[in-house]
C-alpha atoms as a PDB file:
ATOM      1  CA  MET A   1     109.051 243.511  79.410  1.00  0.00           C
ATOM      2  CA  THR A   2     109.575 247.018  78.946  1.00  0.00           C
ATOM      3  CA  PRO A   3     107.826 249.949  80.066  1.00  0.00           C
ATOM      4  CA  ALA A   4     105.863 250.550  76.806  1.00  0.00           C
ATOM      5  CA  ALA A   5     104.442 246.959  77.125  1.00  0.00           C
ATOM      6  CA  ASP A   6     103.470 246.589  80.478  1.00  0.00           C
ATOM      7  CA  PRO A   7      99.827 247.356  81.108  1.00  0.00           C
ATOM      8  CA  LEU A   8     100.615 248.324  84.904  1.00  0.00           C
ATOM      9  CA  PHE A   9     103.021 251.171  82.961  1.00  0.00           C
ATOM     10  CA  THR A  10     100.377 252.091  80.452  1.00  0.00           C
ATOM     11  CA  GLN A  11      97.356 252.515  83.805  1.00  0.00           C
ATOM     12  CA  LEU A  12      99.899 254.334  85.392  1.00  0.00           C
ATOM     13  CA  GLN A  13     100.308 256.815  83.079  1.00  0.00           C
ATOM     14  CA  SER A  14      96.168 257.074  82.422  1.00  0.00           C
ATOM     15  CA  LYS A  15      94.939 260.656  82.779  1.00  0.00           C
ATOM     16  CA  ASN A  16      92.114 259.123  84.246  1.00  0.00           C
ATOM     17  CA  ASP A  17      92.917 259.266  88.054  1.00  0.00           C
ATOM     18  CA  ASP A  18      91.197 256.627  89.484  1.00  0.00           C
ATOM     19  CA  GLU A  19      92.123 254.089  86.727  1.00  0.00           C
ATOM     20  CA  ALA A  20      96.080 255.565  87.762  1.00  0.00           C
ATOM     21  CA  ARG A  21      95.565 254.953  91.338  1.00  0.00           C
ATOM     22  CA  LEU A  22      94.751 251.805  90.977  1.00  0.00           C
ATOM     23  CA  ALA A  23      97.715 250.685  89.011  1.00  0.00           C
ATOM     24  CA  LEU A  24      99.611 252.837  91.286  1.00  0.00           C
ATOM     25  CA  ASP A  25      97.741 250.735  94.607  1.00  0.00           C
ATOM     26  CA  ALA A  26      99.121 247.220  92.704  1.00  0.00           C
ATOM     27  CA  LEU A  27     102.502 248.361  91.781  1.00  0.00           C
ATOM     28  CA  PHE A  28     102.750 249.284  95.566  1.00  0.00           C
ATOM     29  CA  ASP A  29     101.512 246.228  96.811  1.00  0.00           C
ATOM     30  CA  ALA A  30     103.826 243.972  94.292  1.00  0.00           C
ATOM     31  CA  THR A  31     106.984 246.105  95.104  1.00  0.00           C
ATOM     32  CA  TYR A  32     107.113 247.385  98.452  1.00  0.00           C
ATOM     33  CA  VAL A  33     108.351 244.800 100.760  1.00  0.00           C
ATOM     34  CA  LYS A  34     111.121 244.201  98.505  1.00  0.00           C
ATOM     35  CA  LEU A  35     112.031 248.027  98.215  1.00  0.00           C
ATOM     36  CA  VAL A  36     112.038 248.192 102.143  1.00  0.00           C
ATOM     37  CA  ARG A  37     114.045 245.606 102.623  1.00  0.00           C
ATOM     38  CA  PHE A  38     116.721 246.821  99.955  1.00  0.00           C
ATOM     39  CA  ALA A  39     116.252 250.290 101.548  1.00  0.00           C
ATOM     40  CA  VAL A  40     117.298 249.200 104.832  1.00  0.00           C
ATOM     41  CA  SER A  41     121.436 248.471 103.524  1.00  0.00           C
ATOM     42  CA  TYR A  42     121.273 252.620 102.836  1.00  0.00           C
ATOM     43  CA  ALA A  43     118.973 253.698 105.002  1.00  0.00           C
ATOM     44  CA  GLY A  44     120.031 251.520 108.427  1.00  0.00           C
ATOM     45  CA  SER A  45     117.081 251.633 110.336  1.00  0.00           C
ATOM     46  CA  LEU A  46     112.971 250.059 108.732  1.00  0.00           C
ATOM     47  CA  GLU A  47     111.618 253.438 109.910  1.00  0.00           C
ATOM     48  CA  SER A  48     113.875 255.632 107.228  1.00  0.00           C
ATOM     49  CA  SER A  49     113.267 252.489 104.811  1.00  0.00           C
ATOM     50  CA  GLU A  50     109.622 253.022 104.725  1.00  0.00           C
ATOM     51  CA  ASP A  51     110.194 256.639 104.332  1.00  0.00           C
ATOM     52  CA  VAL A  52     111.934 256.557 101.124  1.00  0.00           C
ATOM     53  CA  VAL A  53     110.219 254.184  99.817  1.00  0.00           C
ATOM     54  CA  GLY A  54     107.311 256.368 100.391  1.00  0.00           C
ATOM     55  CA  GLU A  55     108.771 259.023  99.230  1.00  0.00           C
ATOM     56  CA  VAL A  56     109.629 257.438  95.573  1.00  0.00           C
ATOM     57  CA  PHE A  57     106.378 256.388  95.197  1.00  0.00           C
ATOM     58  CA  MET A  58     104.664 260.327  96.059  1.00  0.00           C
ATOM     59  CA  ALA A  59     107.420 261.401  93.411  1.00  0.00           C
ATOM     60  CA  ILE A  60     106.366 258.678  90.970  1.00  0.00           C
ATOM     61  CA  TRP A  61     102.360 259.530  91.550  1.00  0.00           C
ATOM     62  CA  ALA A  62     103.192 263.315  91.311  1.00  0.00           C
ATOM     63  CA  ASN A  63     104.964 262.642  88.019  1.00  0.00           C
ATOM     64  CA  ARG A  64     103.169 260.329  86.717  1.00  0.00           C
ATOM     65  CA  THR A  65     102.166 261.291  83.209  1.00  0.00           C
ATOM     66  CA  THR A  66     105.648 262.180  82.426  1.00  0.00           C
ATOM     67  CA  LEU A  67     107.565 259.405  83.717  1.00  0.00           C
ATOM     68  CA  THR A  68     109.918 257.761  81.613  1.00  0.00           C
ATOM     69  CA  VAL A  69     111.346 254.380  82.061  1.00  0.00           C
ATOM     70  CA  GLN A  70     114.161 252.674  80.634  1.00  0.00           C
ATOM     71  CA  GLY A  71     113.797 248.611  81.365  1.00  0.00           C
ATOM     72  CA  SER A  72     111.638 247.286  83.670  1.00  0.00           C
ATOM     73  CA  LEU A  73     109.624 249.238  85.892  1.00  0.00           C
ATOM     74  CA  GLU A  74     110.461 247.247  88.626  1.00  0.00           C
ATOM     75  CA  ALA A  75     114.046 248.105  88.303  1.00  0.00           C
ATOM     76  CA  TYR A  76     113.460 252.044  87.455  1.00  0.00           C
ATOM     77  CA  LEU A  77     111.930 251.248  91.311  1.00  0.00           C
ATOM     78  CA  PHE A  78     114.549 250.449  92.910  1.00  0.00           C
ATOM     79  CA  GLY A  79     117.069 252.480  90.983  1.00  0.00           C
ATOM     80  CA  ALA A  80     114.725 255.346  92.393  1.00  0.00           C
ATOM     81  CA  VAL A  81     114.799 253.496  95.917  1.00  0.00           C
ATOM     82  CA  ARG A  82     118.625 253.670  95.614  1.00  0.00           C
ATOM     83  CA  ARG A  83     119.367 257.413  94.563  1.00  0.00           C
ATOM     84  CA  ARG A  84     116.334 258.627  96.938  1.00  0.00           C
ATOM     85  CA  ALA A  85     118.261 256.709  99.913  1.00  0.00           C
ATOM     86  CA  ILE A  86     121.720 257.334  99.589  1.00  0.00           C
ATOM     87  CA  SER A  87     120.488 261.277  99.432  1.00  0.00           C
ATOM     88  CA  VAL A  88     119.041 260.734 102.568  1.00  0.00           C
ATOM     89  CA  TYR A  89     122.271 259.526 103.799  1.00  0.00           C
ATOM     90  CA  ARG A  90     124.264 262.327 102.484  1.00  0.00           C
ATOM     91  CA  HIS A  91     122.096 264.623 103.787  1.00  0.00           C
ATOM     92  CA  GLY A  92     122.819 263.547 107.542  1.00  0.00           C
ATOM     93  CA  ALA A  93     120.992 260.428 107.612  1.00  0.00           C
ATOM     94  CA  ARG A  94     122.816 258.169 110.093  1.00  0.00           C
ATOM     95  CA  HIS A  95     123.836 255.380 108.952  1.00  0.00           C
ATOM     96  CA  THR A  96     123.800 252.080 110.961  1.00  0.00           C
ATOM     97  CA  ARG A  97     124.973 248.447 109.445  1.00  0.00           C
ATOM     98  CA  ARG A  98     122.614 245.950 110.591  1.00  0.00           C
ATOM     99  CA  ASP A  99     123.636 243.140 112.292  1.00  0.00           C
ATOM    100  CA  THR A 100     120.104 240.884 111.681  1.00  0.00           C
ATOM    101  CA  PRO A 101     118.641 239.704 109.224  1.00  0.00           C
ATOM    102  CA  MET A 102     116.037 241.588 106.761  1.00  0.00           C
ATOM    103  CA  LEU A 103     113.988 238.513 106.619  1.00  0.00           C
ATOM    104  CA  ALA A 104     110.871 237.580 109.307  1.00  0.00           C
ATOM    105  CA  ASP A 105     111.073 235.059 111.010  1.00  0.00           C
ATOM    106  CA  GLY A 106     109.821 232.197 108.943  1.00  0.00           C
ATOM    107  CA  GLU A 107     110.388 233.594 105.463  1.00  0.00           C
ATOM    108  CA  HIS A 108     113.308 232.412 103.428  1.00  0.00           C
ATOM    109  CA  TRP A 109     115.332 233.136 100.448  1.00  0.00           C
ATOM    110  CA  GLY A 110     113.590 230.245  98.463  1.00  0.00           C
ATOM    111  CA  MET A 111     116.318 228.139  98.497  1.00  0.00           C
ATOM    112  CA  GLY A 112     115.141 225.077 100.639  1.00  0.00           C
ATOM    113  CA  VAL A 113     112.280 224.097 103.232  1.00  0.00           C
ATOM    114  CA  PRO A 114     112.711 224.916 106.885  1.00  0.00           C
ATOM    115  CA  PRO A 115     114.395 222.821 108.616  1.00  0.00           C
ATOM    116  CA  ASP A 116     112.039 220.066 110.675  1.00  0.00           C
ATOM    117  CA  THR A 117     113.818 219.081 113.560  1.00  0.00           C
ATOM    118  CA  PRO A 118     115.140 221.817 116.395  1.00  0.00           C
ATOM    119  CA  ASP A 119     118.486 220.179 116.049  1.00  0.00           C
ATOM    120  CA  ALA A 120     118.515 221.060 112.090  1.00  0.00           C
ATOM    121  CA  GLY A 121     117.088 224.754 113.188  1.00  0.00           C
ATOM    122  CA  LEU A 122     119.751 225.268 115.563  1.00  0.00           C
ATOM    123  CA  LEU A 123     122.282 224.411 112.500  1.00  0.00           C
ATOM    124  CA  CYS A 124     119.804 226.494 109.673  1.00  0.00           C
ATOM    125  CA  HIS A 125     120.066 229.139 112.869  1.00  0.00           C
ATOM    126  CA  ASP A 126     124.085 229.172 112.914  1.00  0.00           C
ATOM    127  CA  THR A 127     124.740 228.574 109.509  1.00  0.00           C
ATOM    128  CA  ARG A 128     122.457 231.781 108.418  1.00  0.00           C
ATOM    129  CA  ASP A 129     123.938 234.384 111.035  1.00  0.00           C
ATOM    130  CA  LEU A 130     127.601 233.000 109.515  1.00  0.00           C
ATOM    131  CA  LEU A 131     126.588 234.091 106.014  1.00  0.00           C
ATOM    132  CA  TRP A 132     125.327 237.282 107.092  1.00  0.00           C
ATOM    133  CA  ARG A 133     128.694 238.003 108.459  1.00  0.00           C
ATOM    134  CA  ALA A 134     130.141 237.226 105.576  1.00  0.00           C
ATOM    135  CA  ILE A 135     127.729 239.587 103.493  1.00  0.00           C
ATOM    136  CA  ALA A 136     128.379 241.749 106.235  1.00  0.00           C
ATOM    137  CA  GLU A 137     132.115 241.991 105.157  1.00  0.00           C
ATOM    138  CA  LEU A 138     131.561 242.025 101.497  1.00  0.00           C
ATOM    139  CA  PRO A 139     132.330 245.147  99.405  1.00  0.00           C
ATOM    140  CA  GLU A 140     129.570 247.190  99.504  1.00  0.00           C
ATOM    141  CA  ARG A 141     129.091 247.101  95.721  1.00  0.00           C
ATOM    142  CA  GLN A 142     129.055 243.351  95.902  1.00  0.00           C
ATOM    143  CA  ARG A 143     126.329 243.430  99.121  1.00  0.00           C
ATOM    144  CA  GLU A 144     123.856 245.502  96.443  1.00  0.00           C
ATOM    145  CA  ILE A 145     124.154 243.016  93.592  1.00  0.00           C
ATOM    146  CA  LEU A 146     123.148 240.140  96.007  1.00  0.00           C
ATOM    147  CA  ALA A 147     120.477 242.208  97.713  1.00  0.00           C
ATOM    148  CA  LEU A 148     119.327 243.424  94.422  1.00  0.00           C
ATOM    149  CA  ARG A 149     119.290 239.813  92.838  1.00  0.00           C
ATOM    150  CA  TRP A 150     118.071 237.186  96.031  1.00  0.00           C
ATOM    151  CA  GLN A 151     115.982 240.298  97.725  1.00  0.00           C
ATOM    152  CA  GLY A 152     114.574 242.009  94.864  1.00  0.00           C
ATOM    153  CA  GLU A 153     114.589 239.503  92.736  1.00  0.00           C
ATOM    154  CA  LEU A 154     115.884 241.253  89.672  1.00  0.00           C
ATOM    155  CA  GLY A 155     117.310 240.175  86.534  1.00  0.00           C
ATOM    156  CA  TRP A 156     120.629 241.102  84.956  1.00  0.00           C
ATOM    157  CA  GLU A 157     120.276 243.941  83.112  1.00  0.00           C
ATOM    158  CA  ASP A 158     117.787 245.389  85.531  1.00  0.00           C
ATOM    159  CA  VAL A 159     120.864 244.922  88.059  1.00  0.00           C
ATOM    160  CA  ALA A 160     122.631 246.849  85.788  1.00  0.00           C
ATOM    161  CA  ARG A 161     120.506 249.292  85.290  1.00  0.00           C
ATOM    162  CA  VAL A 162     119.416 250.263  89.235  1.00  0.00           C
ATOM    163  CA  LEU A 163     123.620 249.853  88.908  1.00  0.00           C
ATOM    164  CA  GLU A 164     124.045 252.498  86.714  1.00  0.00           C
ATOM    165  CA  SER A 165     126.844 249.957  85.016  1.00  0.00           C
ATOM    166  CA  THR A 166     126.957 246.917  82.483  1.00  0.00           C
ATOM    167  CA  THR A 167     125.414 243.490  83.003  1.00  0.00           C
ATOM    168  CA  ALA A 168     128.606 241.839  82.172  1.00  0.00           C
ATOM    169  CA  ALA A 169     130.483 244.178  85.088  1.00  0.00           C
ATOM    170  CA  VAL A 170     127.332 243.233  87.754  1.00  0.00           C
ATOM    171  CA  GLN A 171     127.740 239.028  86.420  1.00  0.00           C
ATOM    172  CA  MET A 172     131.577 239.457  87.490  1.00  0.00           C
ATOM    173  CA  GLN A 173     130.720 241.095  90.900  1.00  0.00           C
ATOM    174  CA  HIS A 174     128.086 238.662  91.565  1.00  0.00           C
ATOM    175  CA  SER A 175     130.156 235.809  90.444  1.00  0.00           C
ATOM    176  CA  ARG A 176     133.470 237.356  92.881  1.00  0.00           C
ATOM    177  CA  ALA A 177     130.887 237.621  95.893  1.00  0.00           C
ATOM    178  CA  LEU A 178     129.478 233.827  95.611  1.00  0.00           C
ATOM    179  CA  LYS A 179     133.373 233.139  95.765  1.00  0.00           C
ATOM    180  CA  THR A 180     134.467 234.759  98.028  1.00  0.00           C
ATOM    181  CA  LEU A 181     131.090 233.676 100.339  1.00  0.00           C
ATOM    182  CA  ARG A 182     131.961 230.435  99.643  1.00  0.00           C
ATOM    183  CA  ALA A 183     135.571 230.672 100.524  1.00  0.00           C
ATOM    184  CA  ARG A 184     134.671 232.115 104.060  1.00  0.00           C
ATOM    185  CA  LEU A 185     132.373 229.800 105.026  1.00  0.00           C
ATOM    186  CA  ALA A 186     134.321 227.048 103.951  1.00  0.00           C
ATOM    187  CA  ASN A 187     136.963 227.733 106.524  1.00  0.00           C
ATOM    188  CA  GLU A 188     134.268 227.938 109.137  1.00  0.00           C
ATOM    189  CA  PRO A 189     133.854 225.437 111.920  1.00  0.00           C
END
């Protein structure tokens, strides 16, 4: 859906502050968790990520009447969070690589149901640890693409827009990342 056809975007740009605030609240509720999880890979901590996302929403509120968005509003948000997090990092924020998954206990990537038995739970935990280590070893661009696709749940065009790339290049990097992950996980005991 293009921003012009998105009723939430139209409401956000309303001159009526109450209507615009309702739209911003709805947008915040729908995207906040995904944006913070995405920002962690740049900001290095949950607190810094929350600050980055908060700053993006404050900027959107301040500029809502003149805001220009190409593509989906959600892709615009991911791009804005990415740019802000990189800016924070470049201006002195310390970046630490996460060794723990960005999903809370009980949350899943949508790739199945949680295991039923304790043995299966241990196996799942070990596999998840292997997967996170393999993802951490991927090139930064491939990690970004995986985060936008898997965590952000963005389509190819939106991922390309966020990363200022082409859809074909994003799909190629995604395929390379999956191929690398398959090879690394196949070699694990």
